[in-house]
């Protein structure tokens, strides 16, 4: 039973991280288009900053997957 809770926690961790990243990418892309529409000459500078933020935003699900794998492979087998 305890292993099932660890697996559920890992699944929730990965899912919530993925959902948060998807929302973040949507807002980031929307703000890029909005800023480029207001000031077209700033488009390349805004795009460079957007790619930098997208790289940082990608770190969130990777950290979540790492913690989930730690829960599954290091914590759960010890509960059996």
C-alpha atoms as a PDB file:
ATOM      1  CA  UNK A   1       0.000   0.000   0.000  1.00  0.00           C
ATOM      2  CA  UNK A   2       2.828   2.391   0.821  1.00  0.00           C
ATOM      3  CA  UNK A   3       4.447   1.718  -2.552  1.00  0.00           C
ATOM      4  CA  UNK A   4       1.223   2.667  -4.297  1.00  0.00           C
ATOM      5  CA  UNK A   5       1.251   6.012  -2.490  1.00  0.00           C
ATOM      6  CA  UNK A   6       4.835   6.647  -3.614  1.00  0.00           C
ATOM      7  CA  UNK A   7       3.915   5.829  -7.218  1.00  0.00           C
ATOM      8  CA  UNK A   8       0.858   8.091  -7.010  1.00  0.00           C
ATOM      9  CA  UNK A   9       2.958  10.907  -5.575  1.00  0.00           C
ATOM     10  CA  UNK A  10       5.511  10.503  -8.366  1.00  0.00           C
ATOM     11  CA  UNK A  11       2.788  10.549 -11.024  1.00  0.00           C
ATOM     12  CA  UNK A  12       1.212  13.661  -9.516  1.00  0.00           C
ATOM     13  CA  UNK A  13       4.604  15.345  -9.317  1.00  0.00           C
ATOM     14  CA  UNK A  14       5.330  14.740 -12.990  1.00  0.00           C
ATOM     15  CA  UNK A  15       1.809  15.722 -14.056  1.00  0.00           C
ATOM     16  CA  UNK A  16       1.691  18.961 -12.104  1.00  0.00           C
ATOM     17  CA  UNK A  17       5.158  19.934 -13.335  1.00  0.00           C
ATOM     18  CA  UNK A  18       4.089  19.298 -16.925  1.00  0.00           C
ATOM     19  CA  UNK A  19       0.884  21.289 -16.461  1.00  0.00           C
ATOM     20  CA  UNK A  20       2.738  24.232 -14.940  1.00  0.00           C
ATOM     21  CA  UNK A  21       5.268  24.224 -17.749  1.00  0.00           C
ATOM     22  CA  UNK A  22       2.540  24.136 -20.389  1.00  0.00           C
ATOM     23  CA  UNK A  23       0.813  27.117 -18.794  1.00  0.00           C
ATOM     24  CA  UNK A  24       4.126  28.955 -18.558  1.00  0.00           C
ATOM     25  CA  UNK A  25       4.964  28.336 -22.216  1.00  0.00           C
ATOM     26  CA  UNK A  26       1.524  29.548 -23.250  1.00  0.00           C
ATOM     27  CA  UNK A  27       1.885  32.771 -21.319  1.00  0.00           C
ATOM     28  CA  UNK A  28       5.451  33.264 -22.517  1.00  0.00           C
ATOM     29  CA  UNK A  29       4.503  32.868 -26.178  1.00  0.00           C
ATOM     30  CA  UNK A  30       1.469  35.103 -25.792  1.00  0.00           C
ATOM     31  CA  UNK A  31       3.497  37.869 -24.181  1.00  0.00           C
ATOM     32  CA  UNK A  32       6.139  37.577 -26.916  1.00  0.00           C
ATOM     33  CA  UNK A  33       3.508  38.063 -29.612  1.00  0.00           C
ATOM     34  CA  UNK A  34       1.931  40.910 -27.681  1.00  0.00           C
ATOM     35  CA  UNK A  35       5.266  42.681 -27.200  1.00  0.00           C
ATOM     36  CA  UNK A  36       6.287  42.154 -30.821  1.00  0.00           C
ATOM     37  CA  UNK A  37       2.963  43.565 -32.005  1.00  0.00           C
ATOM     38  CA  UNK A  38       3.421  46.686 -29.890  1.00  0.00           C
ATOM     39  CA  UNK A  39       7.055  47.300 -30.854  1.00  0.00           C
ATOM     40  CA  UNK A  40       8.059  45.354 -33.974  1.00  0.00           C
ATOM     41  CA  UNK A  41      11.633  46.669 -33.894  1.00  0.00           C
ATOM     42  CA  UNK A  42      12.151  44.951 -30.528  1.00  0.00           C
ATOM     43  CA  UNK A  43      11.079  41.557 -31.918  1.00  0.00           C
ATOM     44  CA  UNK A  44      14.553  39.964 -32.165  1.00  0.00           C
ATOM     45  CA  UNK A  45      15.552  41.124 -28.674  1.00  0.00           C
ATOM     46  CA  UNK A  46      12.298  39.860 -27.207  1.00  0.00           C
ATOM     47  CA  UNK A  47      12.693  36.549 -29.021  1.00  0.00           C
ATOM     48  CA  UNK A  48      16.187  36.048 -27.598  1.00  0.00           C
ATOM     49  CA  UNK A  49      14.896  36.725 -24.085  1.00  0.00           C
ATOM     50  CA  UNK A  50      11.972  34.385 -24.669  1.00  0.00           C
ATOM     51  CA  UNK A  51      14.293  31.517 -25.633  1.00  0.00           C
ATOM     52  CA  UNK A  52      16.383  32.153 -22.513  1.00  0.00           C
ATOM     53  CA  UNK A  53      13.275  32.016 -20.330  1.00  0.00           C
ATOM     54  CA  UNK A  54      12.021  28.921 -22.174  1.00  0.00           C
ATOM     55  CA  UNK A  55      15.256  27.144 -21.315  1.00  0.00           C
ATOM     56  CA  UNK A  56      14.861  28.062 -17.664  1.00  0.00           C
ATOM     57  CA  UNK A  57      11.213  27.033 -17.748  1.00  0.00           C
ATOM     58  CA  UNK A  58      12.180  23.619 -19.114  1.00  0.00           C
ATOM     59  CA  UNK A  59      14.212  22.948 -15.971  1.00  0.00           C
ATOM     60  CA  UNK A  60      11.055  22.647 -13.839  1.00  0.00           C
ATOM     61  CA  UNK A  61       9.706  19.375 -15.298  1.00  0.00           C
ATOM     62  CA  UNK A  62      13.213  17.928 -15.491  1.00  0.00           C
ATOM     63  CA  UNK A  63      13.683  18.489 -11.777  1.00  0.00           C
ATOM     64  CA  UNK A  64      10.218  17.007 -11.144  1.00  0.00           C
ATOM     65  CA  UNK A  65      11.026  13.913 -13.181  1.00  0.00           C
ATOM     66  CA  UNK A  66      14.325  13.541 -11.324  1.00  0.00           C
ATOM     67  CA  UNK A  67      12.612  13.681  -7.938  1.00  0.00           C
ATOM     68  CA  UNK A  68       9.899  11.281  -9.138  1.00  0.00           C
ATOM     69  CA  UNK A  69      12.502   8.792 -10.358  1.00  0.00           C
ATOM     70  CA  UNK A  70      14.250   9.056  -6.994  1.00  0.00           C
ATOM     71  CA  UNK A  71      10.947   8.272  -5.270  1.00  0.00           C
ATOM     72  CA  UNK A  72      10.224   5.321  -7.551  1.00  0.00           C
ATOM     73  CA  UNK A  73      13.664   3.709  -7.682  1.00  0.00           C
ATOM     74  CA  UNK A  74      15.206   4.631  -4.310  1.00  0.00           C
ATOM     75  CA  UNK A  75      12.333   5.046  -1.854  1.00  0.00           C
ATOM     76  CA  UNK A  76       9.648   2.622  -3.072  1.00  0.00           C
ATOM     77  CA  UNK A  77      11.805  -0.560  -3.259  1.00  0.00           C
ATOM     78  CA  UNK A  78      12.830  -0.086   0.366  1.00  0.00           C
ATOM     79  CA  UNK A  79       9.186  -0.217   1.466  1.00  0.00           C
ATOM     80  CA  UNK A  80       8.608  -3.747   0.251  1.00  0.00           C
END
